[in-house]
Amino acid sequence: MTTALAASPTTFCKCTCAGNSTIIALDGAPPTTTSPPHALLERKPGGRTCSDCNRQFCLDYNLPKCKNAKEEEVFTTCFQRDSAKDEAVVFIFIFTTVGLLVYAAVRPWVEQWAEKFRERRSYIPVASGEQ
């Protein structure tokens, strides 16, 4: 089930009226206000799509910011939030990059320490009394 969730990011509709914006999740439940019948769309099996994000959709939601707005004054934008899988890939990339940078920064000190450790463990023959 997590694979299915990771493959389908949440879709949002941004409704802008008179410079004020409201973001509505298209995967959520339809509006519960008393709206015209076409506004209370039955939820599709996959949820609503970007084609549902239009001016009438925003007006039918009866947003306080769009209360007296005309249809021409409403602007919509549809977008998706990245899935958890995409976020995981980005975080893994960032942590790997930071780890490699830290390793590159401390590598000279680690090599010096390792060389000193090797020198202490190496066998140095003691000179014999014969000459």
C-alpha atoms as a PDB file:
ATOM      1  CA  MET A   1       0.000   0.000   0.000  1.00  0.00           C
ATOM      2  CA  THR A   2       2.894   2.401   0.626  1.00  0.00           C
ATOM      3  CA  THR A   3       3.993   1.947  -2.984  1.00  0.00           C
ATOM      4  CA  ALA A   4       0.589   3.113  -4.158  1.00  0.00           C
ATOM      5  CA  LEU A   5       0.745   6.124  -1.855  1.00  0.00           C
ATOM      6  CA  ALA A   6       4.230   7.025  -3.019  1.00  0.00           C
ATOM      7  CA  ALA A   7       3.209   6.796  -6.651  1.00  0.00           C
ATOM      8  CA  SER A   8       0.274   9.204  -6.353  1.00  0.00           C
ATOM      9  CA  PRO A   9       1.167  12.631  -4.968  1.00  0.00           C
ATOM     10  CA  THR A  10      -1.606  14.842  -3.605  1.00  0.00           C
ATOM     11  CA  THR A  11      -3.103  17.307  -6.096  1.00  0.00           C
ATOM     12  CA  PHE A  12      -4.103  20.803  -4.958  1.00  0.00           C
ATOM     13  CA  CYS A  13      -6.142  23.627  -6.464  1.00  0.00           C
ATOM     14  CA  LYS A  14      -5.048  27.172  -5.629  1.00  0.00           C
ATOM     15  CA  CYS A  15      -7.937  29.641  -5.839  1.00  0.00           C
ATOM     16  CA  THR A  16      -6.982  33.325  -5.968  1.00  0.00           C
ATOM     17  CA  CYS A  17      -9.599  36.044  -5.493  1.00  0.00           C
ATOM     18  CA  ALA A  18      -8.708  39.733  -5.092  1.00  0.00           C
ATOM     19  CA  GLY A  19      -5.078  38.847  -4.335  1.00  0.00           C
ATOM     20  CA  ASN A  20      -5.964  36.349  -1.581  1.00  0.00           C
ATOM     21  CA  SER A  21      -5.258  32.673  -2.159  1.00  0.00           C
ATOM     22  CA  THR A  22      -6.724  29.503  -0.725  1.00  0.00           C
ATOM     23  CA  ILE A  23      -5.346  26.037  -1.363  1.00  0.00           C
ATOM     24  CA  ILE A  24      -7.808  23.145  -1.590  1.00  0.00           C
ATOM     25  CA  ALA A  25      -6.790  19.486  -1.695  1.00  0.00           C
ATOM     26  CA  LEU A  26      -8.471  17.892  -4.695  1.00  0.00           C
ATOM     27  CA  ASP A  27      -8.201  14.455  -3.104  1.00  0.00           C
ATOM     28  CA  GLY A  28     -10.305  15.617  -0.169  1.00  0.00           C
ATOM     29  CA  ALA A  29     -14.030  15.504   0.323  1.00  0.00           C
ATOM     30  CA  PRO A  30     -16.269  17.767  -1.749  1.00  0.00           C
ATOM     31  CA  PRO A  31     -17.505  21.040  -0.223  1.00  0.00           C
ATOM     32  CA  THR A  32     -20.167  20.653   2.458  1.00  0.00           C
ATOM     33  CA  THR A  33     -21.724  24.085   2.021  1.00  0.00           C
ATOM     34  CA  THR A  34     -25.054  24.614   0.328  1.00  0.00           C
ATOM     35  CA  SER A  35     -23.848  24.904  -3.225  1.00  0.00           C
ATOM     36  CA  PRO A  36     -25.446  24.222  -6.578  1.00  0.00           C
ATOM     37  CA  PRO A  37     -25.752  20.495  -7.337  1.00  0.00           C
ATOM     38  CA  HIS A  38     -22.888  20.538  -9.868  1.00  0.00           C
ATOM     39  CA  ALA A  39     -20.525  21.765  -7.145  1.00  0.00           C
ATOM     40  CA  LEU A  40     -21.073  18.713  -4.996  1.00  0.00           C
ATOM     41  CA  LEU A  41     -19.286  16.417  -7.396  1.00  0.00           C
ATOM     42  CA  GLU A  42     -19.219  12.826  -6.376  1.00  0.00           C
ATOM     43  CA  ARG A  43     -15.701  11.798  -5.592  1.00  0.00           C
ATOM     44  CA  LYS A  44     -14.183   9.959  -8.519  1.00  0.00           C
ATOM     45  CA  PRO A  45     -12.377   6.663  -7.821  1.00  0.00           C
ATOM     46  CA  GLY A  46      -8.992   8.386  -8.152  1.00  0.00           C
ATOM     47  CA  GLY A  47     -10.146  11.683  -6.613  1.00  0.00           C
ATOM     48  CA  ARG A  48     -10.546  14.914  -8.534  1.00  0.00           C
ATOM     49  CA  THR A  49      -8.073  15.916 -11.213  1.00  0.00           C
ATOM     50  CA  CYS A  50      -6.588  19.218 -12.375  1.00  0.00           C
ATOM     51  CA  SER A  51      -9.392  19.532 -14.918  1.00  0.00           C
ATOM     52  CA  ASP A  52     -11.760  20.006 -11.940  1.00  0.00           C
ATOM     53  CA  CYS A  53      -9.706  22.985 -10.728  1.00  0.00           C
ATOM     54  CA  ASN A  54     -11.459  25.841 -12.490  1.00  0.00           C
ATOM     55  CA  ARG A  55     -13.056  29.169 -11.641  1.00  0.00           C
ATOM     56  CA  GLN A  56     -16.484  27.664 -11.015  1.00  0.00           C
ATOM     57  CA  PHE A  57     -14.966  25.071  -8.672  1.00  0.00           C
ATOM     58  CA  CYS A  58     -13.488  27.870  -6.549  1.00  0.00           C
ATOM     59  CA  LEU A  59     -16.725  29.876  -6.535  1.00  0.00           C
ATOM     60  CA  ASP A  60     -18.760  26.780  -5.613  1.00  0.00           C
ATOM     61  CA  TYR A  61     -16.538  26.240  -2.583  1.00  0.00           C
ATOM     62  CA  ASN A  62     -18.020  29.484  -1.149  1.00  0.00           C
ATOM     63  CA  LEU A  63     -14.665  30.735   0.088  1.00  0.00           C
ATOM     64  CA  PRO A  64     -14.962  33.871   2.237  1.00  0.00           C
ATOM     65  CA  LYS A  65     -12.247  35.537   0.160  1.00  0.00           C
ATOM     66  CA  CYS A  66     -14.215  34.910  -3.038  1.00  0.00           C
ATOM     67  CA  LYS A  67     -17.645  35.765  -1.620  1.00  0.00           C
ATOM     68  CA  ASN A  68     -18.561  38.644  -3.964  1.00  0.00           C
ATOM     69  CA  ALA A  69     -16.059  37.883  -6.720  1.00  0.00           C
ATOM     70  CA  LYS A  70     -17.104  37.562 -10.320  1.00  0.00           C
ATOM     71  CA  GLU A  71     -15.938  34.569 -12.329  1.00  0.00           C
ATOM     72  CA  GLU A  72     -13.453  36.752 -14.275  1.00  0.00           C
ATOM     73  CA  GLU A  73     -11.790  37.818 -11.003  1.00  0.00           C
ATOM     74  CA  VAL A  74     -10.972  34.253  -9.950  1.00  0.00           C
ATOM     75  CA  PHE A  75      -7.657  32.683 -10.948  1.00  0.00           C
ATOM     76  CA  THR A  76      -6.820  29.027 -10.479  1.00  0.00           C
ATOM     77  CA  THR A  77      -3.634  27.007 -10.440  1.00  0.00           C
ATOM     78  CA  CYS A  78      -3.377  23.259 -10.129  1.00  0.00           C
ATOM     79  CA  PHE A  79      -0.252  21.671  -8.643  1.00  0.00           C
ATOM     80  CA  GLN A  80       0.974  18.503  -6.985  1.00  0.00           C
ATOM     81  CA  ARG A  81       2.981  18.015  -3.849  1.00  0.00           C
ATOM     82  CA  ASP A  82       5.873  15.626  -4.240  1.00  0.00           C
ATOM     83  CA  SER A  83       5.307  12.087  -3.080  1.00  0.00           C
ATOM     84  CA  ALA A  84       7.089  10.607  -0.073  1.00  0.00           C
ATOM     85  CA  LYS A  85       9.227   8.552  -2.441  1.00  0.00           C
ATOM     86  CA  ASP A  86      10.456  11.700  -4.215  1.00  0.00           C
ATOM     87  CA  GLU A  87      11.216  13.357  -0.879  1.00  0.00           C
ATOM     88  CA  ALA A  88      13.166  10.291   0.264  1.00  0.00           C
ATOM     89  CA  VAL A  89      15.308  10.367  -2.889  1.00  0.00           C
ATOM     90  CA  VAL A  90      16.089  14.057  -2.345  1.00  0.00           C
ATOM     91  CA  PHE A  91      16.995  13.545   1.336  1.00  0.00           C
ATOM     92  CA  ILE A  92      19.196  10.537   0.535  1.00  0.00           C
ATOM     93  CA  PHE A  93      20.999  12.609  -2.104  1.00  0.00           C
ATOM     94  CA  ILE A  94      21.522  15.507   0.333  1.00  0.00           C
ATOM     95  CA  PHE A  95      22.788  13.247   3.154  1.00  0.00           C
ATOM     96  CA  THR A  96      25.123  11.391   0.772  1.00  0.00           C
ATOM     97  CA  THR A  97      26.537  14.659  -0.563  1.00  0.00           C
ATOM     98  CA  VAL A  98      27.047  16.081   2.928  1.00  0.00           C
ATOM     99  CA  GLY A  99      28.653  12.817   4.048  1.00  0.00           C
ATOM    100  CA  LEU A 100      31.104  12.869   1.141  1.00  0.00           C
ATOM    101  CA  LEU A 101      31.995  16.513   1.839  1.00  0.00           C
ATOM    102  CA  VAL A 102      32.627  15.736   5.513  1.00  0.00           C
ATOM    103  CA  TYR A 103      34.750  12.729   4.542  1.00  0.00           C
ATOM    104  CA  ALA A 104      36.775  14.890   2.126  1.00  0.00           C
ATOM    105  CA  ALA A 105      37.324  17.475   4.889  1.00  0.00           C
ATOM    106  CA  VAL A 106      38.517  15.014   7.564  1.00  0.00           C
ATOM    107  CA  ARG A 107      40.405  12.639   5.258  1.00  0.00           C
ATOM    108  CA  PRO A 108      43.847  14.283   5.744  1.00  0.00           C
ATOM    109  CA  TRP A 109      43.594  13.932   9.537  1.00  0.00           C
ATOM    110  CA  VAL A 110      42.384  10.349   9.286  1.00  0.00           C
ATOM    111  CA  GLU A 111      45.284   9.462   6.989  1.00  0.00           C
ATOM    112  CA  GLN A 112      47.807  11.068   9.381  1.00  0.00           C
ATOM    113  CA  TRP A 113      46.339   9.140  12.305  1.00  0.00           C
ATOM    114  CA  ALA A 114      46.395   5.888  10.330  1.00  0.00           C
ATOM    115  CA  GLU A 115      50.040   6.431   9.319  1.00  0.00           C
ATOM    116  CA  LYS A 116      51.077   7.045  12.948  1.00  0.00           C
ATOM    117  CA  PHE A 117      49.184   3.937  14.005  1.00  0.00           C
ATOM    118  CA  ARG A 118      50.961   1.866  11.303  1.00  0.00           C
ATOM    119  CA  GLU A 119      54.357   3.196  12.369  1.00  0.00           C
ATOM    120  CA  ARG A 120      53.782   2.093  15.974  1.00  0.00           C
ATOM    121  CA  ARG A 121      52.781  -1.386  14.908  1.00  0.00           C
ATOM    122  CA  SER A 122      55.561  -1.918  12.389  1.00  0.00           C
ATOM    123  CA  TYR A 123      58.437  -4.227  13.227  1.00  0.00           C
ATOM    124  CA  ILE A 124      61.729  -2.459  13.681  1.00  0.00           C
ATOM    125  CA  PRO A 125      64.627  -4.897  14.204  1.00  0.00           C
ATOM    126  CA  VAL A 126      66.932  -4.180  17.076  1.00  0.00           C
ATOM    127  CA  ALA A 127      70.539  -3.817  16.036  1.00  0.00           C
ATOM    128  CA  SER A 128      72.686  -6.679  17.141  1.00  0.00           C
ATOM    129  CA  GLY A 129      76.013  -6.272  18.906  1.00  0.00           C
ATOM    130  CA  GLU A 130      77.926  -7.649  15.919  1.00  0.00           C
ATOM    131  CA  GLN A 131      79.728  -5.226  13.713  1.00  0.00           C
END
